[in-house]
Structures are given as structure tokens and as C-alpha cells.
Amino acid sequence: MNVLAFDTCLGAVSVAVRWNSPQGVWLARDAFEARERGHAERLMPMIAEVMGGAGLAFSDIDRIAVTTGPGSFTGVRVGIAAARGLALASGRPVAATTTLAVMARQADALLGKDRAGRLLAVAVDARRGMIFLQLFDDAQGELGPPMLLAPEDVHALTGARRVIVVGSAAGIVAKAIAAAGGTAQAALADLQPHARVLALMADRLTPTSPLRPLYLRPPDVKPQGDKSLARVV
């Protein structure tokens, strides 16, 4: 299965393609850029660069894979819109998973034996004193969906289990767990979801239709309170 994968949900833009060569060898090509803004402007050029570097046309792709969130409202929307557009144009199915699940897969590979026997908590700073959190067991199984909660509420979920916390909120969450009497270690604070890992996960994901974003909080934008505009016809 030839896969085009991309992520724009958090503090980076990444694209990857994974394909089977005529000789039956699996090949991959990817690009990754850390950035806080400009995801929409960079995504499609990056897809073109990666596809061109791999020598692939969209007709060669069997599946599109994308992260659906959680993340910034704009970042999530950029990835979802691109996946919907490419799926419509190519007729290819879209498979999706959470940013936190991709990060958990990366963390398992990076931590190696340090991960064994411990609960994995992927924690991302959601600002305003809140975090995005998802828990995973030793077999990379999801222990519930992604959540939006305060750091001090995490210990109620992890209990007496030893925990290793990764992601931008790892330090905050590990301290909160320790303050509540738990045992936690912070690691990989700079971890961002990478499309290369998503491409490897794609063949085990179920195609999703319709594709929906995962927003754990409402957008910050509010309707204008000034009613004077409503009187202008």
C-alpha cells in the first residue's frame, strides 16, 4: 500500500510518502519543519516536494493518512481540509488517527527499554493552564480517548502506576503527578508528531468517511458583539 501522510496539528509541518518499488522494496521519503505558524502556506509545497523527490504521482498513492487533532484550531483545520481535497481529487480513501497516538508510537521507539513496565502519558500544552492528554499501555494500546484537562487532574487517571510523560507539557504533568503522591518521569519535551511514523501506521488504520477534526475546545474566535454591522444592508 503506497501512502501519503501529513501532519499540521501542533508545532510542525511534516509530510511523508511510503511506497513499494518495482523490485518489491519498501521505500520512504519525508520532510519535517518545526514552525508555530504558516502551516497552510507550507503544506502543499512540501507535499509537492516530497512526492516529486520520490518520483510519485498522486495516481500512485493508495491511501492518504492525516492527523485529526488535538492541536491548534488552525493547524487541525489545515490538515483536514488538505486531506479532504486530495481525497476528492484522487478518489483515494483517507485514514486518520490522533496526534497523540503518533507521538506515542514515536516515544516507544525513542525510549526503548526505558519505556518498559510504565504507563505512557502523551501530554501537550494546550495553554490557559490546560493540557491535551492521552494514555497508552505497554502494548501501545489507547487507554481512552484524548482529553483536555488540568495537569493536577492527571494523577486521578494514572493512580499508583509508574508513568513516563512525553510532549511539551511533560515537565508540568510529571511534577503534578509527583505532588499528588504518584511516580512520574518527564522525557522528550520537544516531541512533535512526524508524518513518517504516521505513514508506517497507515496500513493498520481504518479509512474514515466522513473525515472529521478532533477539537477538544471551541475556537477562540467569537462573533462580533457590535450590532451596528447588522444594521448595514
Protein backbone atom coordinates (compact mmCIF):
# COMPACT_ATOMS: atom_id res chain seq x y z
CA MET A 1 0.00 0.00 0.00
CA ASN A 2 1.52 3.32 -1.10
CA VAL A 3 0.77 6.04 1.45
CA LEU A 4 0.90 9.83 1.52
CA ALA A 5 0.84 11.07 5.12
CA PHE A 6 0.96 14.54 6.65
CA ASP A 7 0.51 16.40 9.94
CA THR A 8 -0.08 20.09 10.69
CA CYS A 9 -1.76 19.96 14.09
CA LEU A 10 0.90 21.21 16.50
CA GLY A 11 4.26 22.98 16.27
CA ALA A 12 5.45 21.50 12.97
CA VAL A 13 4.52 20.57 9.43
CA SER A 14 5.59 17.15 8.17
CA VAL A 15 4.92 15.08 5.07
CA ALA A 16 5.93 11.53 4.18
CA VAL A 17 5.39 9.03 1.41
CA ARG A 18 5.90 5.31 1.72
CA TRP A 19 5.82 3.19 -1.42
CA ASN A 20 6.74 -0.18 -2.84
CA SER A 21 9.37 -0.09 -5.58
CA PRO A 22 9.11 -2.24 -8.76
CA GLN A 23 11.68 -4.51 -7.09
CA GLY A 24 9.34 -5.07 -4.14
CA VAL A 25 11.37 -2.97 -1.71
CA TRP A 26 9.63 -0.55 0.65
CA LEU A 27 10.95 2.99 0.32
CA ALA A 28 10.15 6.21 2.15
CA ARG A 29 10.78 9.91 1.79
CA ASP A 30 9.78 12.65 4.23
CA ALA A 31 10.18 16.27 5.23
CA PHE A 32 9.73 17.97 8.60
CA GLU A 33 9.77 21.64 9.60
CA ALA A 34 9.19 22.96 13.10
CA ARG A 35 7.00 26.08 12.90
CA GLU A 36 4.42 27.84 15.04
CA ARG A 37 2.53 29.40 12.11
CA GLY A 38 2.30 29.28 8.34
CA HIS A 39 1.16 25.65 8.19
CA ALA A 40 -1.30 26.31 5.37
CA GLU A 41 1.27 28.09 3.21
CA ARG A 42 3.87 25.35 3.64
CA LEU A 43 1.86 22.13 3.49
CA MET A 44 1.03 21.84 -0.22
CA PRO A 45 4.51 22.89 -1.42
CA MET A 46 6.00 20.35 0.96
CA ILE A 47 3.70 17.62 -0.39
CA ALA A 48 4.79 18.52 -3.93
CA GLU A 49 8.46 18.43 -2.92
CA VAL A 50 8.22 15.05 -1.20
CA MET A 51 6.14 13.48 -3.96
CA GLY A 52 8.47 14.89 -6.62
CA GLY A 53 11.54 13.67 -4.77
CA ALA A 54 10.03 10.20 -4.59
CA GLY A 55 9.11 10.28 -8.28
CA LEU A 56 5.47 9.57 -7.48
CA ALA A 57 2.24 10.91 -8.95
CA PHE A 58 -0.99 11.08 -6.97
CA SER A 59 -2.28 8.20 -9.09
CA ASP A 60 0.44 6.06 -7.46
CA ILE A 61 -0.97 6.66 -3.96
CA ASP A 62 -3.35 4.07 -2.48
CA ARG A 63 -4.17 5.82 0.79
CA ILE A 64 -3.93 9.26 2.38
CA ALA A 65 -3.21 9.48 6.10
CA VAL A 66 -3.68 12.54 8.31
CA THR A 67 -3.80 13.50 11.97
CA THR A 68 -7.15 14.89 13.11
CA GLY A 69 -6.02 16.56 16.36
CA PRO A 70 -5.93 17.56 19.07
CA GLY A 71 -3.90 20.65 18.31
CA SER A 72 -4.36 24.26 17.35
CA PHE A 73 -7.67 25.06 15.71
CA THR A 74 -5.97 26.41 12.58
CA GLY A 75 -3.43 23.59 12.36
CA VAL A 76 -6.05 20.86 12.63
CA ARG A 77 -8.26 22.58 10.07
CA VAL A 78 -5.38 22.88 7.56
CA GLY A 79 -4.62 19.17 7.63
CA ILE A 80 -8.24 18.07 7.46
CA ALA A 81 -9.02 20.42 4.56
CA ALA A 82 -5.99 19.21 2.61
CA ALA A 83 -6.87 15.56 3.18
CA ARG A 84 -10.46 16.10 2.09
CA GLY A 85 -9.38 17.95 -1.04
CA LEU A 86 -6.78 15.40 -2.05
CA ALA A 87 -9.18 12.52 -1.39
CA LEU A 88 -11.86 14.16 -3.52
CA ALA A 89 -9.45 14.83 -6.37
CA SER A 90 -7.75 11.42 -6.32
CA GLY A 91 -10.61 9.18 -5.22
CA ARG A 92 -8.33 7.63 -2.59
CA PRO A 93 -9.51 6.76 0.94
CA VAL A 94 -8.30 8.68 3.99
CA ALA A 95 -7.14 7.04 7.20
CA ALA A 96 -6.72 9.12 10.34
CA THR A 97 -5.50 8.97 13.90
CA THR A 98 -4.73 11.39 16.71
CA THR A 99 -1.59 13.46 17.01
CA LEU A 100 -1.07 11.91 20.43
CA ALA A 101 -1.19 8.34 19.07
CA VAL A 102 1.50 9.20 16.54
CA MET A 103 3.62 10.76 19.29
CA ALA A 104 3.15 7.66 21.44
CA ARG A 105 4.46 5.46 18.64
CA GLN A 106 7.49 7.75 18.26
CA ALA A 107 8.09 7.79 22.01
CA ASP A 108 8.09 4.00 22.19
CA ALA A 109 10.79 3.84 19.54
CA LEU A 110 12.90 6.59 21.12
CA LEU A 111 12.60 5.44 24.73
CA GLY A 112 13.28 1.76 24.07
CA LYS A 113 13.80 -0.20 27.29
CA ASP A 114 13.18 2.92 29.40
CA ARG A 115 9.50 2.61 28.49
CA ALA A 116 9.08 -0.99 29.73
CA GLY A 117 6.61 -1.52 32.53
CA ARG A 118 5.45 2.06 32.67
CA LEU A 119 2.30 3.82 31.60
CA LEU A 120 2.93 6.27 28.78
CA ALA A 121 1.26 9.67 29.01
CA VAL A 122 1.46 11.96 25.98
CA ALA A 123 0.87 15.48 27.27
CA VAL A 124 0.81 18.60 25.10
CA ASP A 125 0.49 22.17 26.34
CA ALA A 126 -2.98 23.40 25.36
CA ARG A 127 -2.40 26.80 27.02
CA ARG A 128 -4.55 28.61 29.58
CA GLY A 129 -3.38 26.11 32.21
CA MET A 130 -4.74 23.09 30.33
CA ILE A 131 -3.19 20.14 28.52
CA PHE A 132 -4.11 17.63 25.83
CA LEU A 133 -3.55 14.15 27.26
CA GLN A 134 -3.82 10.56 26.11
CA LEU A 135 -2.66 7.45 27.99
CA PHE A 136 -1.16 4.30 26.47
CA ASP A 137 -0.32 0.88 27.93
CA ASP A 138 2.75 -1.29 27.32
CA ALA A 139 1.32 -2.67 24.07
CA GLN A 140 0.74 0.85 22.63
CA GLY A 141 -2.96 0.39 23.31
CA GLU A 142 -5.00 3.53 23.89
CA LEU A 143 -6.38 3.76 27.42
CA GLY A 144 -9.20 6.07 26.48
CA PRO A 145 -9.53 8.96 24.03
CA PRO A 146 -7.57 12.24 24.05
CA MET A 147 -8.70 14.62 26.79
CA LEU A 148 -8.46 18.29 27.68
CA LEU A 149 -7.79 18.69 31.39
CA ALA A 150 -5.68 20.43 34.01
CA PRO A 151 -2.28 18.90 34.93
CA GLU A 152 -3.36 18.34 38.52
CA ASP A 153 -6.17 16.06 37.31
CA VAL A 154 -3.85 13.53 35.65
CA HIS A 155 -2.94 11.62 38.82
CA ALA A 156 -6.57 10.59 39.26
CA LEU A 157 -6.22 8.74 35.95
CA THR A 158 -2.78 7.19 36.47
CA GLY A 159 -3.14 6.22 40.12
CA ALA A 160 -0.28 4.22 41.62
CA ARG A 161 1.21 3.19 38.28
CA ARG A 162 4.65 4.41 37.29
CA VAL A 163 4.33 6.89 34.45
CA ILE A 164 6.62 8.30 31.81
CA VAL A 165 5.31 11.56 30.37
CA VAL A 166 6.32 12.90 26.94
CA GLY A 167 5.42 16.02 25.00
CA SER A 168 5.57 19.76 25.57
CA ALA A 169 3.70 19.51 28.90
CA ALA A 170 5.75 16.56 30.18
CA GLY A 171 7.53 18.52 32.91
CA ILE A 172 4.37 20.16 34.22
CA VAL A 173 2.44 16.89 34.30
CA ALA A 174 5.26 14.88 35.90
CA LYS A 175 5.52 17.48 38.70
CA ALA A 176 1.76 17.45 39.22
CA ILE A 177 1.71 13.65 39.49
CA ALA A 178 4.61 13.68 41.95
CA ALA A 179 2.90 16.40 44.04
CA ALA A 180 -0.17 14.15 44.30
CA GLY A 181 1.93 11.24 45.55
CA GLY A 182 2.50 9.44 42.25
CA THR A 183 5.65 8.41 40.41
CA ALA A 184 6.37 10.04 37.06
CA GLN A 185 9.31 10.91 34.83
CA ALA A 186 9.33 13.59 32.13
CA ALA A 187 11.02 12.91 28.78
CA LEU A 188 11.06 14.07 25.15
CA ALA A 189 9.67 17.53 25.83
CA ASP A 190 10.40 18.59 22.22
CA LEU A 191 8.47 15.68 20.71
CA GLN A 192 6.23 16.57 17.75
CA PRO A 193 4.12 14.17 15.63
CA HIS A 194 6.00 13.12 12.49
CA ALA A 195 4.32 12.08 9.24
CA ARG A 196 6.99 9.41 8.71
CA VAL A 197 5.58 7.49 11.68
CA LEU A 198 2.00 8.13 10.56
CA ALA A 199 2.85 6.63 7.15
CA LEU A 200 4.06 3.46 8.87
CA MET A 201 0.83 3.28 10.91
CA ALA A 202 -1.48 3.93 7.96
CA ASP A 203 -1.99 0.38 6.74
CA ARG A 204 -3.42 -0.58 10.16
CA LEU A 205 -5.82 2.34 10.33
CA THR A 206 -9.40 2.07 9.14
CA PRO A 207 -10.36 4.51 6.37
CA THR A 208 -12.55 7.30 7.75
CA SER A 209 -15.53 8.85 5.97
CA PRO A 210 -16.62 11.49 6.57
CA LEU A 211 -13.33 12.85 7.91
CA ARG A 212 -13.88 14.99 10.99
CA PRO A 213 -11.47 17.13 13.03
CA LEU A 214 -10.92 16.43 16.71
CA TYR A 215 -11.44 19.72 18.53
CA LEU A 216 -11.29 19.36 22.31
CA ARG A 217 -12.06 23.02 22.93
CA PRO A 218 -14.12 25.59 20.98
CA PRO A 219 -12.24 28.06 18.78
CA ASP A 220 -11.11 31.36 20.33
CA VAL A 221 -12.85 33.43 17.68
CA LYS A 222 -16.20 34.84 18.83
CA PRO A 223 -18.95 36.66 16.93
CA GLN A 224 -18.57 40.42 16.96
CA GLY A 225 -20.56 41.98 19.78
CA ASP A 226 -21.18 45.27 17.97
CA LYS A 227 -24.68 45.05 16.47
CA SER A 228 -24.11 48.13 14.32
CA LEU A 229 -22.91 45.93 11.46
CA ALA A 230 -26.21 44.10 11.45
CA ARG A 231 -27.99 47.35 10.57
CA VAL A 232 -25.88 47.86 7.44
CA VAL A 233 -27.73 46.41 4.43
